[in-house]
Each structure stands twice: as structure tokens, then as C-alpha cells.
Amino acid sequence: MLRKMVTFSLITLINGCASNNVAPVLLSNPNVKTVVGAQGYPVLDVIRFERHKPSTLEQASQCIKASVDGLEAAPILIAQNVQASGTSSFEPPPPSIGKPFRFTLTASTGTSTVFTFERIRYTNAGPIGAIEGIGAENAYEVMRDIADRIERCLPLAST
């Protein structure tokens, strides 16, 4: 009987802490798109960063090569965009350890440069959950840092 009560208490505690709601910081961010994953909880789908710094396809390609540490191959041109796949990692809340993940980055060039991260998944598993407290906010920050590094590499617009 005691064992059943302990088991019931643990299940209640776990269910009480579990949430299928998108982390508020991600939910309120218009540049983050989530979808419901196969397991029934929200996962990161697309993260977009627009920078008001102009660029060309060649500049974006060179800066992606120079600024993204975990590129899996050289950037390629697809439909007037530069695309590359890469890996990085983020630190989830303790006591977890770093979580490696992969992504596809597309840079759209012109009068502004738009960086779109898609196919965001753990390196050895499925999609990254967008639930508060598991680290999706930290993964977002890593991708923002990647976009910032690429932007800093882009030349200043000539006047």
C-alpha cells in the first residue's frame, strides 16, 4: 500500500510540474515559430533574425564560412539564398550538461539580411522542445549569437 501511495505521489508531482506550454519568452517572440511535435509537446520549428545590414550572396556566403564554427559543409546557393547546415550546442538549466544540436541556416540577402534557422534538432535525437525550463531559450540565444557574428562579418554599406 505504501509503495502505491509513493508511486501515485510521484506521478502526481511529475504531472503537476510537466507543462505542454511554450516557454513565455519564446511565445512572445514573433521571430520564433513552434509546432506540436510527434510526442504532443511544442518544439522549435523556425527562428528568424532580420538585420538591417545589406549584403550580397557572396558576402553572406563568406561570412557564414568565417563565422559559423560547426559548419558541416561549405554554404551553397539555393533560390537566390545562401544555405548551410551546422551544429552547435547550448547549456540547458542545471543539472543537465551541454546539448549539441544541428540546424539549417538560410541567409536571404539584399537591402537587409535575414537569417532563418530551420530543421532545428538535437544532434542525436529529435526536435528541441520549446517548453520552459529545458533549454530552448538557451538554444535560441546560441542561434542569435551565430546571426550576430555573421552580421559583424558583413562589410559596412558604402555611402
C-alpha atoms as a PDB file:
ATOM      1  CA  MET A   1       0.000   0.000   0.000  1.00  0.00           C
ATOM      2  CA  LEU A   2       2.806   2.388   0.916  1.00  0.00           C
ATOM      3  CA  ARG A   3       4.505   1.657  -2.407  1.00  0.00           C
ATOM      4  CA  LYS A   4       1.302   2.534  -4.321  1.00  0.00           C
ATOM      5  CA  MET A   5       0.978   5.806  -2.398  1.00  0.00           C
ATOM      6  CA  VAL A   6       4.588   6.761  -3.149  1.00  0.00           C
ATOM      7  CA  THR A   7       4.151   5.876  -6.817  1.00  0.00           C
ATOM      8  CA  PHE A   8       0.913   7.879  -7.015  1.00  0.00           C
ATOM      9  CA  SER A   9       2.574  10.846  -5.300  1.00  0.00           C
ATOM     10  CA  LEU A  10       5.498  10.786  -7.721  1.00  0.00           C
ATOM     11  CA  ILE A  11       3.208  10.601 -10.740  1.00  0.00           C
ATOM     12  CA  THR A  12       1.145  13.487  -9.400  1.00  0.00           C
ATOM     13  CA  LEU A  13       4.273  15.547  -8.753  1.00  0.00           C
ATOM     14  CA  ILE A  14       5.690  14.854 -12.209  1.00  0.00           C
ATOM     15  CA  ASN A  15       2.412  15.630 -13.948  1.00  0.00           C
ATOM     16  CA  GLY A  16       2.000  18.774 -11.898  1.00  0.00           C
ATOM     17  CA  CYS A  17       5.416  20.038 -12.995  1.00  0.00           C
ATOM     18  CA  ALA A  18       5.099  18.966 -16.605  1.00  0.00           C
ATOM     19  CA  SER A  19       3.677  21.508 -18.987  1.00  0.00           C
ATOM     20  CA  ASN A  20       2.990  21.450 -22.665  1.00  0.00           C
ATOM     21  CA  ASN A  21       3.025  25.232 -22.898  1.00  0.00           C
ATOM     22  CA  VAL A  22       5.585  27.100 -24.964  1.00  0.00           C
ATOM     23  CA  ALA A  23       8.105  28.960 -22.814  1.00  0.00           C
ATOM     24  CA  PRO A  24       6.731  32.511 -22.370  1.00  0.00           C
ATOM     25  CA  VAL A  25       9.922  34.176 -23.628  1.00  0.00           C
ATOM     26  CA  LEU A  26       9.633  32.176 -26.872  1.00  0.00           C
ATOM     27  CA  LEU A  27       5.856  32.520 -27.150  1.00  0.00           C
ATOM     28  CA  SER A  28       6.089  36.306 -27.002  1.00  0.00           C
ATOM     29  CA  ASN A  29       8.873  36.428 -29.610  1.00  0.00           C
ATOM     30  CA  PRO A  30       7.456  36.984 -33.130  1.00  0.00           C
ATOM     31  CA  ASN A  31      10.655  35.583 -34.666  1.00  0.00           C
ATOM     32  CA  VAL A  32      10.143  32.128 -33.139  1.00  0.00           C
ATOM     33  CA  LYS A  33       7.752  29.621 -34.675  1.00  0.00           C
ATOM     34  CA  THR A  34       6.882  26.444 -32.810  1.00  0.00           C
ATOM     35  CA  VAL A  35       4.832  23.418 -33.826  1.00  0.00           C
ATOM     36  CA  VAL A  36       3.434  20.480 -31.927  1.00  0.00           C
ATOM     37  CA  GLY A  37       5.930  17.628 -32.172  1.00  0.00           C
ATOM     38  CA  ALA A  38       5.236  13.927 -32.578  1.00  0.00           C
ATOM     39  CA  GLN A  39       5.203  13.453 -28.794  1.00  0.00           C
ATOM     40  CA  GLY A  40       2.452  16.072 -28.389  1.00  0.00           C
ATOM     41  CA  TYR A  41       4.535  18.925 -26.966  1.00  0.00           C
ATOM     42  CA  PRO A  42       5.709  22.153 -28.669  1.00  0.00           C
ATOM     43  CA  VAL A  43       9.074  22.100 -30.427  1.00  0.00           C
ATOM     44  CA  LEU A  44      11.210  24.731 -32.140  1.00  0.00           C
ATOM     45  CA  ASP A  45      10.391  24.931 -35.843  1.00  0.00           C
ATOM     46  CA  VAL A  46      11.801  28.169 -37.296  1.00  0.00           C
ATOM     47  CA  ILE A  47      13.805  31.002 -35.773  1.00  0.00           C
ATOM     48  CA  ARG A  48      14.329  34.137 -37.824  1.00  0.00           C
ATOM     49  CA  PHE A  49      16.617  37.142 -37.317  1.00  0.00           C
ATOM     50  CA  GLU A  50      16.407  40.187 -39.569  1.00  0.00           C
ATOM     51  CA  ARG A  51      19.368  42.518 -39.664  1.00  0.00           C
ATOM     52  CA  HIS A  52      19.104  45.867 -41.398  1.00  0.00           C
ATOM     53  CA  LYS A  53      22.559  45.485 -42.866  1.00  0.00           C
ATOM     54  CA  PRO A  54      22.664  44.902 -46.620  1.00  0.00           C
ATOM     55  CA  SER A  55      24.608  42.016 -48.097  1.00  0.00           C
ATOM     56  CA  THR A  56      25.248  40.125 -51.300  1.00  0.00           C
ATOM     57  CA  LEU A  57      25.164  36.362 -51.786  1.00  0.00           C
ATOM     58  CA  GLU A  58      28.960  36.265 -51.946  1.00  0.00           C
ATOM     59  CA  GLN A  59      29.371  38.332 -48.750  1.00  0.00           C
ATOM     60  CA  ALA A  60      26.836  36.222 -46.865  1.00  0.00           C
ATOM     61  CA  SER A  61      28.497  33.001 -48.020  1.00  0.00           C
ATOM     62  CA  GLN A  62      31.968  34.195 -46.982  1.00  0.00           C
ATOM     63  CA  CYS A  63      30.744  35.432 -43.606  1.00  0.00           C
ATOM     64  CA  ILE A  64      28.870  32.208 -42.876  1.00  0.00           C
ATOM     65  CA  LYS A  65      32.088  30.268 -43.594  1.00  0.00           C
ATOM     66  CA  ALA A  66      34.084  32.617 -41.372  1.00  0.00           C
ATOM     67  CA  SER A  67      31.584  32.938 -38.511  1.00  0.00           C
ATOM     68  CA  VAL A  68      29.859  29.584 -38.012  1.00  0.00           C
ATOM     69  CA  ASP A  69      32.116  27.179 -36.133  1.00  0.00           C
ATOM     70  CA  GLY A  70      30.180  23.959 -36.719  1.00  0.00           C
ATOM     71  CA  LEU A  71      29.567  24.028 -40.463  1.00  0.00           C
ATOM     72  CA  GLU A  72      29.001  20.582 -41.930  1.00  0.00           C
ATOM     73  CA  ALA A  73      29.887  21.711 -45.481  1.00  0.00           C
ATOM     74  CA  ALA A  74      30.512  24.883 -47.448  1.00  0.00           C
ATOM     75  CA  PRO A  75      27.463  27.138 -47.916  1.00  0.00           C
ATOM     76  CA  ILE A  76      25.558  26.653 -51.162  1.00  0.00           C
ATOM     77  CA  LEU A  77      23.295  28.881 -53.244  1.00  0.00           C
ATOM     78  CA  ILE A  78      19.636  27.859 -53.307  1.00  0.00           C
ATOM     79  CA  ALA A  79      16.968  30.029 -54.944  1.00  0.00           C
ATOM     80  CA  GLN A  80      18.882  33.304 -54.526  1.00  0.00           C
ATOM     81  CA  ASN A  81      19.736  32.499 -50.899  1.00  0.00           C
ATOM     82  CA  VAL A  82      22.792  31.121 -49.158  1.00  0.00           C
ATOM     83  CA  GLN A  83      22.190  27.916 -47.216  1.00  0.00           C
ATOM     84  CA  ALA A  84      24.385  25.938 -44.841  1.00  0.00           C
ATOM     85  CA  SER A  85      23.946  23.203 -42.268  1.00  0.00           C
ATOM     86  CA  GLY A  86      25.768  23.331 -38.999  1.00  0.00           C
ATOM     87  CA  THR A  87      25.983  22.189 -35.417  1.00  0.00           C
ATOM     88  CA  SER A  88      26.356  23.971 -32.120  1.00  0.00           C
ATOM     89  CA  SER A  89      25.404  23.342 -28.509  1.00  0.00           C
ATOM     90  CA  PHE A  90      23.579  25.094 -25.710  1.00  0.00           C
ATOM     91  CA  GLU A  91      23.624  24.818 -21.955  1.00  0.00           C
ATOM     92  CA  PRO A  92      20.256  23.763 -20.555  1.00  0.00           C
ATOM     93  CA  PRO A  93      19.373  24.566 -16.944  1.00  0.00           C
ATOM     94  CA  PRO A  94      21.416  22.608 -14.353  1.00  0.00           C
ATOM     95  CA  PRO A  95      21.960  19.796 -13.616  1.00  0.00           C
ATOM     96  CA  SER A  96      21.962  18.995 -17.352  1.00  0.00           C
ATOM     97  CA  ILE A  97      25.075  19.144 -19.487  1.00  0.00           C
ATOM     98  CA  GLY A  98      25.569  20.805 -22.888  1.00  0.00           C
ATOM     99  CA  LYS A  99      23.157  19.718 -25.579  1.00  0.00           C
ATOM    100  CA  PRO A 100      24.542  19.526 -29.129  1.00  0.00           C
ATOM    101  CA  PHE A 101      22.077  20.407 -31.877  1.00  0.00           C
ATOM    102  CA  ARG A 102      22.030  20.823 -35.625  1.00  0.00           C
ATOM    103  CA  PHE A 103      20.309  23.334 -37.851  1.00  0.00           C
ATOM    104  CA  THR A 104      19.942  24.536 -41.405  1.00  0.00           C
ATOM    105  CA  LEU A 105      20.681  28.230 -41.840  1.00  0.00           C
ATOM    106  CA  THR A 106      19.401  30.220 -44.801  1.00  0.00           C
ATOM    107  CA  ALA A 107      20.614  33.776 -45.385  1.00  0.00           C
ATOM    108  CA  SER A 108      18.440  35.966 -47.594  1.00  0.00           C
ATOM    109  CA  THR A 109      20.385  38.935 -48.907  1.00  0.00           C
ATOM    110  CA  GLY A 110      19.551  42.378 -50.252  1.00  0.00           C
ATOM    111  CA  THR A 111      18.873  45.712 -48.540  1.00  0.00           C
ATOM    112  CA  SER A 112      18.649  43.768 -45.278  1.00  0.00           C
ATOM    113  CA  THR A 113      19.903  40.320 -44.372  1.00  0.00           C
ATOM    114  CA  VAL A 114      17.559  37.709 -42.920  1.00  0.00           C
ATOM    115  CA  PHE A 115      18.903  34.622 -41.149  1.00  0.00           C
ATOM    116  CA  THR A 116      16.441  31.742 -40.905  1.00  0.00           C
ATOM    117  CA  PHE A 117      17.222  28.679 -38.794  1.00  0.00           C
ATOM    118  CA  GLU A 118      15.188  25.571 -39.636  1.00  0.00           C
ATOM    119  CA  ARG A 119      15.400  21.814 -39.070  1.00  0.00           C
ATOM    120  CA  ILE A 120      16.475  22.542 -35.501  1.00  0.00           C
ATOM    121  CA  ARG A 121      17.105  19.191 -33.810  1.00  0.00           C
ATOM    122  CA  TYR A 122      19.265  17.592 -31.173  1.00  0.00           C
ATOM    123  CA  THR A 123      22.285  16.047 -32.884  1.00  0.00           C
ATOM    124  CA  ASN A 124      21.456  12.507 -31.760  1.00  0.00           C
ATOM    125  CA  ALA A 125      17.718  12.808 -31.186  1.00  0.00           C
ATOM    126  CA  GLY A 126      14.593  14.611 -32.241  1.00  0.00           C
ATOM    127  CA  PRO A 127      13.426  18.212 -32.198  1.00  0.00           C
ATOM    128  CA  ILE A 128      14.190  20.609 -29.369  1.00  0.00           C
ATOM    129  CA  GLY A 129      11.211  21.068 -27.082  1.00  0.00           C
ATOM    130  CA  ALA A 130      10.043  24.663 -26.678  1.00  0.00           C
ATOM    131  CA  ILE A 131       8.810  24.105 -23.117  1.00  0.00           C
ATOM    132  CA  GLU A 132      10.076  26.415 -20.385  1.00  0.00           C
ATOM    133  CA  GLY A 133      12.965  25.154 -18.313  1.00  0.00           C
ATOM    134  CA  ILE A 134      14.503  22.624 -20.703  1.00  0.00           C
ATOM    135  CA  GLY A 135      16.837  24.987 -22.526  1.00  0.00           C
ATOM    136  CA  ALA A 136      15.087  26.041 -25.730  1.00  0.00           C
ATOM    137  CA  GLU A 137      15.590  29.661 -24.676  1.00  0.00           C
ATOM    138  CA  ASN A 138      19.328  28.960 -24.477  1.00  0.00           C
ATOM    139  CA  ALA A 139      19.304  27.340 -27.933  1.00  0.00           C
ATOM    140  CA  TYR A 140      17.597  30.497 -29.230  1.00  0.00           C
ATOM    141  CA  GLU A 141      20.378  32.626 -27.719  1.00  0.00           C
ATOM    142  CA  VAL A 142      23.045  30.477 -29.401  1.00  0.00           C
ATOM    143  CA  MET A 143      21.359  30.964 -32.786  1.00  0.00           C
ATOM    144  CA  ARG A 144      21.050  34.703 -32.154  1.00  0.00           C
ATOM    145  CA  ASP A 145      24.781  34.786 -31.389  1.00  0.00           C
ATOM    146  CA  ILE A 146      25.513  32.995 -34.677  1.00  0.00           C
ATOM    147  CA  ALA A 147      23.426  35.565 -36.596  1.00  0.00           C
ATOM    148  CA  ASP A 148      25.195  38.400 -34.732  1.00  0.00           C
ATOM    149  CA  ARG A 149      28.652  37.018 -35.620  1.00  0.00           C
ATOM    150  CA  ILE A 150      27.713  36.724 -39.295  1.00  0.00           C
ATOM    151  CA  GLU A 151      26.310  40.261 -39.275  1.00  0.00           C
ATOM    152  CA  ARG A 152      29.506  41.654 -37.722  1.00  0.00           C
ATOM    153  CA  CYS A 153      31.489  39.994 -40.506  1.00  0.00           C
ATOM    154  CA  LEU A 154      29.436  41.647 -43.254  1.00  0.00           C
ATOM    155  CA  PRO A 155      31.077  44.796 -44.680  1.00  0.00           C
ATOM    156  CA  LEU A 156      29.588  48.177 -43.865  1.00  0.00           C
ATOM    157  CA  ALA A 157      27.340  49.544 -46.571  1.00  0.00           C
ATOM    158  CA  SER A 158      29.060  52.113 -48.779  1.00  0.00           C
ATOM    159  CA  THR A 159      27.512  55.578 -48.919  1.00  0.00           C
END
